[in-house]
């Protein structure tokens, strides 16, 4: 789907997107606009376009779980945090804003980190207010946070 933001990224339009991990069926990126106090938030995205997690074929289920596990464990080590929040939204009513299946993996060290996961829209509004509308991602920080996860993944030998 040419209008889908994630399909564009998957098809090599990766403008400043940090790819953390990739398989034949999934790509994992850091969220360039959100992060927690612990580190980068990762998005696990199927390369095939499915509107939401419920549309993802069961044949991809085992691989998806493996990717979630690899990213979560690597994130815990990279950011020295025990807490991981894994979530997705299905349909607009649940808060889905990009209609391409994806799962968020958030490293958590604090209550604020949990707030980001539960209320991402409110977090985005507050971030815009407190940064006076400057939503440009810091490329250097994004790279450093992604690199920490990539180094931990390399130790696993996936």
N, C-alpha and C. Protein backbone atom coordinates (compact mmCIF):
# COMPACT_ATOMS: atom_id res chain seq x y z
N UNK A 1 0.85 -1.19 0.00
CA UNK A 1 0.00 0.00 0.00
C UNK A 1 0.89 1.24 0.00
N UNK A 2 0.80 2.00 -1.05
CA UNK A 2 1.71 3.12 -1.25
C UNK A 2 1.53 4.24 -0.23
N UNK A 3 0.31 4.43 0.32
CA UNK A 3 0.10 5.50 1.27
C UNK A 3 0.50 5.11 2.70
N UNK A 4 0.68 3.86 2.96
CA UNK A 4 0.98 3.38 4.31
C UNK A 4 2.41 3.76 4.70
N UNK A 5 2.52 4.46 5.81
CA UNK A 5 3.83 4.91 6.30
C UNK A 5 4.78 3.73 6.51
N UNK A 6 4.29 2.65 7.11
CA UNK A 6 5.16 1.50 7.37
C UNK A 6 5.52 0.77 6.09
N UNK A 7 4.59 0.67 5.14
CA UNK A 7 4.91 0.04 3.85
C UNK A 7 6.00 0.83 3.14
N UNK A 8 5.96 2.15 3.23
CA UNK A 8 7.00 2.98 2.62
C UNK A 8 8.36 2.70 3.25
N UNK A 9 8.38 2.57 4.57
CA UNK A 9 9.64 2.27 5.27
C UNK A 9 10.15 0.89 4.86
N UNK A 10 9.28 -0.08 4.83
CA UNK A 10 9.67 -1.45 4.46
C UNK A 10 10.22 -1.49 3.05
N UNK A 11 9.68 -0.67 2.17
CA UNK A 11 10.13 -0.62 0.78
C UNK A 11 11.30 0.34 0.60
N UNK A 12 12.12 0.46 1.63
CA UNK A 12 13.40 1.19 1.62
C UNK A 12 13.29 2.71 1.60
N UNK A 13 12.19 3.27 2.02
CA UNK A 13 12.10 4.70 2.22
C UNK A 13 12.32 4.94 3.72
N UNK A 14 13.53 4.71 4.16
CA UNK A 14 13.84 4.70 5.60
C UNK A 14 14.48 6.00 6.05
N UNK A 15 13.82 7.09 5.81
CA UNK A 15 14.34 8.41 6.17
C UNK A 15 14.61 8.50 7.67
N UNK A 16 15.84 8.36 8.03
CA UNK A 16 16.28 8.49 9.43
C UNK A 16 15.64 7.48 10.38
N UNK A 17 15.09 6.41 9.85
CA UNK A 17 14.55 5.37 10.72
C UNK A 17 15.68 4.44 11.13
N UNK A 18 15.72 4.13 12.41
CA UNK A 18 16.74 3.23 12.93
C UNK A 18 16.21 1.80 12.92
N UNK A 19 16.75 0.99 12.03
CA UNK A 19 16.39 -0.42 11.98
C UNK A 19 17.24 -1.15 13.02
N UNK A 20 16.56 -1.82 13.93
CA UNK A 20 17.24 -2.54 15.00
C UNK A 20 17.45 -3.99 14.63
N UNK A 21 16.49 -4.56 13.90
CA UNK A 21 16.51 -5.99 13.61
C UNK A 21 15.60 -6.22 12.42
N UNK A 22 15.91 -7.25 11.63
CA UNK A 22 15.10 -7.53 10.46
C UNK A 22 15.17 -9.02 10.13
N UNK A 23 14.02 -9.58 9.78
CA UNK A 23 13.94 -10.95 9.29
C UNK A 23 13.25 -10.89 7.92
N UNK A 24 13.00 -12.04 7.33
CA UNK A 24 12.29 -12.06 6.06
C UNK A 24 10.87 -11.50 6.19
N UNK A 25 10.27 -11.66 7.38
CA UNK A 25 8.87 -11.28 7.55
C UNK A 25 8.62 -10.06 8.44
N UNK A 26 9.63 -9.62 9.19
CA UNK A 26 9.43 -8.52 10.14
C UNK A 26 10.60 -7.54 10.10
N UNK A 27 10.29 -6.30 10.43
CA UNK A 27 11.31 -5.28 10.62
C UNK A 27 11.05 -4.65 11.98
N UNK A 28 12.12 -4.31 12.68
CA UNK A 28 12.00 -3.67 13.99
C UNK A 28 12.71 -2.32 13.92
N UNK A 29 11.95 -1.28 14.24
CA UNK A 29 12.47 0.09 14.23
C UNK A 29 12.36 0.70 15.61
N UNK A 30 13.18 1.70 15.87
CA UNK A 30 12.94 2.51 17.06
C UNK A 30 11.92 3.58 16.69
N UNK A 31 11.11 3.94 17.65
CA UNK A 31 10.14 5.02 17.48
C UNK A 31 10.93 6.32 17.55
N UNK A 32 10.95 7.08 16.47
CA UNK A 32 11.81 8.27 16.47
C UNK A 32 11.20 9.44 17.22
N UNK A 33 9.95 9.37 17.62
CA UNK A 33 9.32 10.48 18.33
C UNK A 33 9.08 10.22 19.80
N UNK A 34 9.09 8.96 20.20
CA UNK A 34 8.85 8.63 21.61
C UNK A 34 9.99 7.80 22.15
N UNK A 35 10.29 8.01 23.41
CA UNK A 35 11.20 7.15 24.14
C UNK A 35 10.81 7.21 25.61
N UNK A 36 11.26 6.25 26.37
CA UNK A 36 10.99 6.25 27.80
C UNK A 36 12.25 6.73 28.52
N UNK A 37 12.17 6.83 29.84
CA UNK A 37 13.35 7.24 30.60
C UNK A 37 14.44 6.18 30.52
N UNK A 38 14.05 4.94 30.20
CA UNK A 38 15.01 3.84 30.10
C UNK A 38 15.72 3.83 28.75
N UNK A 39 15.00 4.12 27.66
CA UNK A 39 15.61 4.05 26.34
C UNK A 39 14.59 4.10 25.22
N UNK A 40 14.98 3.62 24.06
CA UNK A 40 14.15 3.70 22.86
C UNK A 40 12.97 2.73 22.93
N UNK A 41 11.87 3.14 22.35
CA UNK A 41 10.72 2.27 22.15
C UNK A 41 10.89 1.62 20.79
N UNK A 42 10.62 0.33 20.70
CA UNK A 42 10.74 -0.37 19.42
C UNK A 42 9.37 -0.72 18.87
N UNK A 43 9.28 -0.74 17.55
CA UNK A 43 8.07 -1.15 16.85
C UNK A 43 8.39 -2.39 16.03
N UNK A 44 7.66 -3.45 16.26
CA UNK A 44 7.80 -4.68 15.48
C UNK A 44 6.71 -4.64 14.42
N UNK A 45 7.13 -4.66 13.15
CA UNK A 45 6.21 -4.44 12.05
C UNK A 45 6.32 -5.58 11.04
N UNK A 46 5.21 -6.25 10.72
CA UNK A 46 5.27 -7.26 9.66
C UNK A 46 5.56 -6.58 8.32
N UNK A 47 6.34 -7.22 7.48
CA UNK A 47 6.65 -6.64 6.17
C UNK A 47 5.46 -6.68 5.22
N UNK A 48 4.60 -7.65 5.40
CA UNK A 48 3.36 -7.69 4.61
C UNK A 48 2.36 -6.76 5.29
N UNK A 49 1.55 -6.10 4.49
CA UNK A 49 0.57 -5.17 5.05
C UNK A 49 -0.65 -5.92 5.58
N UNK A 50 -0.84 -5.83 6.89
CA UNK A 50 -2.04 -6.31 7.56
C UNK A 50 -2.54 -5.14 8.38
N UNK A 51 -3.83 -4.89 8.39
CA UNK A 51 -4.35 -3.69 9.03
C UNK A 51 -4.06 -3.63 10.53
N UNK A 52 -4.12 -4.77 11.21
CA UNK A 52 -3.84 -4.79 12.65
C UNK A 52 -3.41 -6.20 13.05
N UNK A 53 -3.08 -6.36 14.30
CA UNK A 53 -2.56 -7.64 14.78
C UNK A 53 -3.53 -8.80 14.52
N UNK A 54 -4.82 -8.56 14.59
CA UNK A 54 -5.80 -9.61 14.39
C UNK A 54 -5.84 -10.12 12.95
N UNK A 55 -5.31 -9.34 12.03
CA UNK A 55 -5.25 -9.73 10.62
C UNK A 55 -3.96 -10.47 10.26
N UNK A 56 -3.01 -10.49 11.18
CA UNK A 56 -1.73 -11.15 10.94
C UNK A 56 -1.94 -12.66 10.89
N UNK A 57 -1.50 -13.33 9.83
CA UNK A 57 -1.74 -14.77 9.70
C UNK A 57 -1.07 -15.58 10.81
N UNK A 58 -1.72 -16.67 11.18
CA UNK A 58 -1.17 -17.50 12.26
C UNK A 58 0.17 -18.11 11.89
N UNK A 59 0.46 -18.25 10.58
CA UNK A 59 1.76 -18.79 10.17
C UNK A 59 2.91 -17.89 10.65
N UNK A 60 2.62 -16.63 10.86
CA UNK A 60 3.65 -15.69 11.31
C UNK A 60 3.73 -15.60 12.84
N UNK A 61 2.83 -16.29 13.53
CA UNK A 61 2.74 -16.19 14.98
C UNK A 61 4.00 -16.59 15.72
N UNK A 62 4.58 -17.74 15.38
CA UNK A 62 5.78 -18.20 16.08
C UNK A 62 6.96 -17.25 15.86
N UNK A 63 7.12 -16.81 14.61
CA UNK A 63 8.23 -15.89 14.33
C UNK A 63 8.00 -14.55 15.04
N UNK A 64 6.77 -14.09 15.07
CA UNK A 64 6.47 -12.84 15.76
C UNK A 64 6.83 -12.95 17.24
N UNK A 65 6.46 -14.05 17.86
CA UNK A 65 6.78 -14.24 19.28
C UNK A 65 8.30 -14.30 19.49
N UNK A 66 9.02 -14.95 18.58
CA UNK A 66 10.48 -14.98 18.67
C UNK A 66 11.07 -13.57 18.58
N UNK A 67 10.56 -12.76 17.66
CA UNK A 67 11.07 -11.39 17.51
C UNK A 67 10.76 -10.57 18.76
N UNK A 68 9.54 -10.70 19.28
CA UNK A 68 9.18 -10.00 20.52
C UNK A 68 10.14 -10.38 21.64
N UNK A 69 10.46 -11.66 21.76
CA UNK A 69 11.35 -12.14 22.81
C UNK A 69 12.77 -11.61 22.63
N UNK A 70 13.30 -11.70 21.42
CA UNK A 70 14.66 -11.22 21.14
C UNK A 70 14.77 -9.74 21.44
N UNK A 71 13.82 -8.95 20.97
CA UNK A 71 13.87 -7.50 21.18
C UNK A 71 13.71 -7.17 22.66
N UNK A 72 12.76 -7.81 23.33
CA UNK A 72 12.51 -7.52 24.74
C UNK A 72 13.71 -7.85 25.62
N UNK A 73 14.29 -9.02 25.43
CA UNK A 73 15.45 -9.42 26.24
C UNK A 73 16.66 -8.55 25.93
N UNK A 74 16.86 -8.22 24.66
CA UNK A 74 17.98 -7.36 24.28
C UNK A 74 17.80 -5.96 24.86
N UNK A 75 16.58 -5.48 24.84
CA UNK A 75 16.27 -4.17 25.39
C UNK A 75 16.53 -4.12 26.90
N UNK A 76 16.12 -5.18 27.59
CA UNK A 76 16.36 -5.23 29.04
C UNK A 76 17.85 -5.12 29.35
N UNK A 77 18.67 -5.84 28.60
CA UNK A 77 20.11 -5.79 28.83
C UNK A 77 20.71 -4.46 28.39
N UNK A 78 20.28 -3.98 27.24
CA UNK A 78 20.84 -2.74 26.69
C UNK A 78 20.58 -1.55 27.61
N UNK A 79 19.40 -1.51 28.22
CA UNK A 79 19.01 -0.35 29.03
C UNK A 79 19.01 -0.63 30.53
N UNK A 80 19.45 -1.83 30.90
CA UNK A 80 19.52 -2.20 32.31
C UNK A 80 18.18 -1.94 33.02
N UNK A 81 17.14 -2.52 32.45
CA UNK A 81 15.81 -2.35 33.05
C UNK A 81 15.12 -3.71 33.11
N UNK A 82 14.34 -3.89 34.15
CA UNK A 82 13.59 -5.14 34.27
C UNK A 82 12.23 -5.06 33.61
N UNK A 83 11.65 -3.86 33.58
CA UNK A 83 10.30 -3.70 33.08
C UNK A 83 10.22 -3.56 31.57
N UNK A 84 9.33 -4.32 30.97
CA UNK A 84 9.06 -4.24 29.53
C UNK A 84 7.54 -4.21 29.38
N UNK A 85 7.05 -3.29 28.59
CA UNK A 85 5.62 -3.25 28.29
C UNK A 85 5.46 -3.56 26.81
N UNK A 86 4.59 -4.51 26.51
CA UNK A 86 4.33 -4.94 25.13
C UNK A 86 2.87 -4.63 24.85
N UNK A 87 2.61 -3.82 23.81
CA UNK A 87 1.21 -3.49 23.53
C UNK A 87 0.98 -3.20 22.06
N UNK A 88 -0.29 -3.30 21.71
CA UNK A 88 -0.74 -2.95 20.37
C UNK A 88 -2.16 -2.41 20.50
N UNK A 89 -2.60 -1.72 19.49
CA UNK A 89 -3.98 -1.25 19.44
C UNK A 89 -4.63 -1.82 18.18
N UNK A 90 -5.88 -2.20 18.30
CA UNK A 90 -6.63 -2.72 17.16
C UNK A 90 -7.80 -1.76 16.91
N UNK A 91 -7.71 -1.04 15.82
CA UNK A 91 -8.72 -0.10 15.35
C UNK A 91 -8.64 1.25 16.08
N UNK A 92 -9.20 2.24 15.44
CA UNK A 92 -9.15 3.62 15.92
C UNK A 92 -9.69 3.75 17.35
N UNK A 93 -10.75 3.03 17.66
CA UNK A 93 -11.37 3.13 18.98
C UNK A 93 -10.41 2.73 20.10
N UNK A 94 -9.44 1.91 19.78
CA UNK A 94 -8.45 1.48 20.78
C UNK A 94 -7.19 2.34 20.73
N UNK A 95 -7.16 3.30 19.80
CA UNK A 95 -6.00 4.18 19.72
C UNK A 95 -5.06 3.90 18.57
N UNK A 96 -5.42 2.98 17.69
CA UNK A 96 -4.55 2.70 16.54
C UNK A 96 -4.57 3.91 15.62
N UNK A 97 -3.37 4.40 15.25
CA UNK A 97 -3.30 5.57 14.38
C UNK A 97 -2.61 5.26 13.05
N UNK A 98 -1.83 4.21 13.01
CA UNK A 98 -1.24 3.74 11.75
C UNK A 98 -1.84 2.37 11.51
N UNK A 99 -2.55 2.24 10.39
CA UNK A 99 -3.32 1.02 10.15
C UNK A 99 -2.51 0.00 9.36
N UNK A 100 -1.39 -0.37 9.96
CA UNK A 100 -0.51 -1.45 9.51
C UNK A 100 -0.13 -2.13 10.82
N UNK A 101 -0.36 -3.40 10.92
CA UNK A 101 -0.10 -4.14 12.16
C UNK A 101 1.27 -3.80 12.72
N UNK A 102 1.33 -3.56 14.02
CA UNK A 102 2.62 -3.35 14.69
C UNK A 102 2.45 -3.52 16.20
N UNK A 103 3.55 -3.86 16.82
CA UNK A 103 3.58 -4.06 18.27
C UNK A 103 4.64 -3.13 18.84
N UNK A 104 4.30 -2.46 19.94
CA UNK A 104 5.23 -1.57 20.63
C UNK A 104 5.91 -2.34 21.76
N UNK A 105 7.22 -2.17 21.87
CA UNK A 105 7.97 -2.73 23.00
C UNK A 105 8.60 -1.54 23.73
N UNK A 106 8.22 -1.35 24.99
CA UNK A 106 8.70 -0.20 25.76
C UNK A 106 9.52 -0.65 26.95
N UNK A 107 10.73 -0.12 27.10
CA UNK A 107 11.50 -0.40 28.30
C UNK A 107 10.98 0.50 29.42
N UNK A 108 10.77 -0.05 30.60
CA UNK A 108 10.18 0.72 31.70
C UNK A 108 11.04 0.68 32.96
N UNK A 109 11.26 1.87 33.52
CA UNK A 109 11.93 2.00 34.80
C UNK A 109 11.08 2.79 35.79
N UNK A 110 10.03 3.45 35.31
CA UNK A 110 9.29 4.36 36.17
C UNK A 110 7.80 4.37 35.82
N UNK A 111 7.04 5.02 36.68
CA UNK A 111 5.61 5.19 36.42
C UNK A 111 5.41 6.03 35.16
N UNK A 112 6.25 7.02 34.93
CA UNK A 112 6.15 7.85 33.73
C UNK A 112 6.24 6.96 32.48
N UNK A 113 7.13 5.97 32.52
CA UNK A 113 7.28 5.07 31.38
C UNK A 113 5.99 4.30 31.12
N UNK A 114 5.31 3.89 32.16
CA UNK A 114 4.04 3.18 32.00
C UNK A 114 2.98 4.12 31.44
N UNK A 115 3.01 5.38 31.83
CA UNK A 115 2.07 6.38 31.34
C UNK A 115 2.20 6.52 29.82
N UNK A 116 3.41 6.51 29.32
CA UNK A 116 3.65 6.64 27.88
C UNK A 116 2.96 5.49 27.13
N UNK A 117 3.01 4.30 27.70
CA UNK A 117 2.40 3.14 27.06
C UNK A 117 0.88 3.18 27.12
N UNK A 118 0.34 3.63 28.23
CA UNK A 118 -1.10 3.62 28.41
C UNK A 118 -1.78 4.79 27.69
N UNK A 119 -1.10 5.93 27.68
CA UNK A 119 -1.69 7.13 27.08
C UNK A 119 -0.74 7.79 26.08
N UNK A 120 -0.40 7.10 24.99
CA UNK A 120 0.58 7.69 24.06
C UNK A 120 0.11 9.00 23.44
N UNK A 121 -1.18 9.15 23.18
CA UNK A 121 -1.69 10.39 22.59
C UNK A 121 -1.51 11.57 23.53
N UNK A 122 -1.80 11.37 24.81
CA UNK A 122 -1.62 12.43 25.80
C UNK A 122 -0.14 12.76 25.94
N UNK A 123 0.69 11.73 25.95
CA UNK A 123 2.14 11.95 26.02
C UNK A 123 2.60 12.79 24.83
N UNK A 124 2.08 12.50 23.64
CA UNK A 124 2.47 13.26 22.45
C UNK A 124 2.07 14.73 22.57
N UNK A 125 0.88 15.00 23.07
CA UNK A 125 0.42 16.38 23.25
C UNK A 125 1.31 17.11 24.26
N UNK A 126 1.59 16.47 25.39
CA UNK A 126 2.44 17.10 26.40
C UNK A 126 3.85 17.36 25.86
N UNK A 127 4.36 16.42 25.09
CA UNK A 127 5.70 16.59 24.50
C UNK A 127 5.71 17.80 23.58
N UNK A 128 4.67 17.96 22.77
CA UNK A 128 4.59 19.11 21.87
C UNK A 128 4.53 20.42 22.65
N UNK A 129 3.76 20.42 23.74
CA UNK A 129 3.64 21.64 24.55
C UNK A 129 4.98 22.00 25.18
N UNK A 130 5.63 21.01 25.79
CA UNK A 130 6.85 21.29 26.53
C UNK A 130 8.08 21.46 25.64
N UNK A 131 7.98 21.07 24.38
CA UNK A 131 9.09 21.33 23.45
C UNK A 131 8.72 22.45 22.48
N UNK A 132 7.61 23.13 22.79
CA UNK A 132 7.15 24.27 21.98
C UNK A 132 6.99 23.88 20.51
N UNK A 133 6.48 22.68 20.27
CA UNK A 133 6.19 22.24 18.91
C UNK A 133 7.37 21.67 18.16
N UNK A 134 8.57 21.68 18.77
CA UNK A 134 9.75 21.13 18.09
C UNK A 134 9.75 19.62 18.25
N UNK A 135 9.27 18.91 17.24
CA UNK A 135 9.17 17.46 17.30
C UNK A 135 10.23 16.76 16.50
N UNK A 136 11.27 17.46 16.13
CA UNK A 136 12.33 16.83 15.34
C UNK A 136 13.08 15.83 16.21
N UNK A 137 13.21 14.62 15.72
CA UNK A 137 13.95 13.63 16.50
C UNK A 137 15.45 13.95 16.51
N UNK A 138 16.09 13.62 17.60
CA UNK A 138 17.54 13.79 17.70
C UNK A 138 18.18 12.54 17.10
N UNK A 139 18.75 12.67 15.90
CA UNK A 139 19.29 11.53 15.16
C UNK A 139 20.42 10.84 15.92
N UNK A 140 21.25 11.61 16.59
CA UNK A 140 22.38 11.04 17.32
C UNK A 140 21.90 10.16 18.47
N UNK A 141 20.95 10.68 19.24
CA UNK A 141 20.42 9.89 20.36
C UNK A 141 19.70 8.66 19.85
N UNK A 142 18.91 8.83 18.79
CA UNK A 142 18.19 7.68 18.21
C UNK A 142 19.16 6.59 17.79
N UNK A 143 20.26 6.98 17.13
CA UNK A 143 21.25 6.00 16.71
C UNK A 143 21.88 5.31 17.91
N UNK A 144 22.27 6.07 18.92
CA UNK A 144 22.93 5.49 20.10
C UNK A 144 22.01 4.51 20.83
N UNK A 145 20.74 4.86 20.98
CA UNK A 145 19.81 3.96 21.66
C UNK A 145 19.56 2.70 20.85
N UNK A 146 19.43 2.85 19.54
CA UNK A 146 19.24 1.68 18.67
C UNK A 146 20.48 0.80 18.68
N UNK A 147 21.65 1.42 18.67
CA UNK A 147 22.91 0.66 18.63
C UNK A 147 23.07 -0.19 19.88
N UNK A 148 22.65 0.30 21.02
CA UNK A 148 22.73 -0.50 22.26
C UNK A 148 21.93 -1.80 22.11
N UNK A 149 20.76 -1.71 21.52
CA UNK A 149 19.93 -2.91 21.33
C UNK A 149 20.58 -3.82 20.30
N UNK A 150 21.06 -3.25 19.18
CA UNK A 150 21.72 -4.06 18.14
C UNK A 150 22.91 -4.83 18.71
N UNK A 151 23.67 -4.21 19.60
CA UNK A 151 24.83 -4.89 20.20
C UNK A 151 24.39 -6.07 21.06
N UNK A 152 23.28 -5.92 21.76
CA UNK A 152 22.79 -7.04 22.58
C UNK A 152 22.22 -8.15 21.69
N UNK A 153 21.56 -7.78 20.61
CA UNK A 153 21.05 -8.80 19.68
C UNK A 153 22.20 -9.59 19.10
N UNK A 154 23.29 -8.93 18.76
CA UNK A 154 24.46 -9.60 18.18
C UNK A 154 25.03 -10.65 19.13
N UNK A 155 24.92 -10.43 20.42
CA UNK A 155 25.42 -11.39 21.40
C UNK A 155 24.58 -12.65 21.46
N UNK A 156 23.33 -12.55 21.04
CA UNK A 156 22.42 -13.70 21.05
C UNK A 156 22.68 -14.63 19.88
N UNK A 157 23.25 -14.09 18.80
CA UNK A 157 23.49 -14.86 17.56
C UNK A 157 22.20 -15.33 16.94
N UNK A 158 21.30 -14.41 16.69
CA UNK A 158 20.00 -14.75 16.08
C UNK A 158 20.19 -15.03 14.61
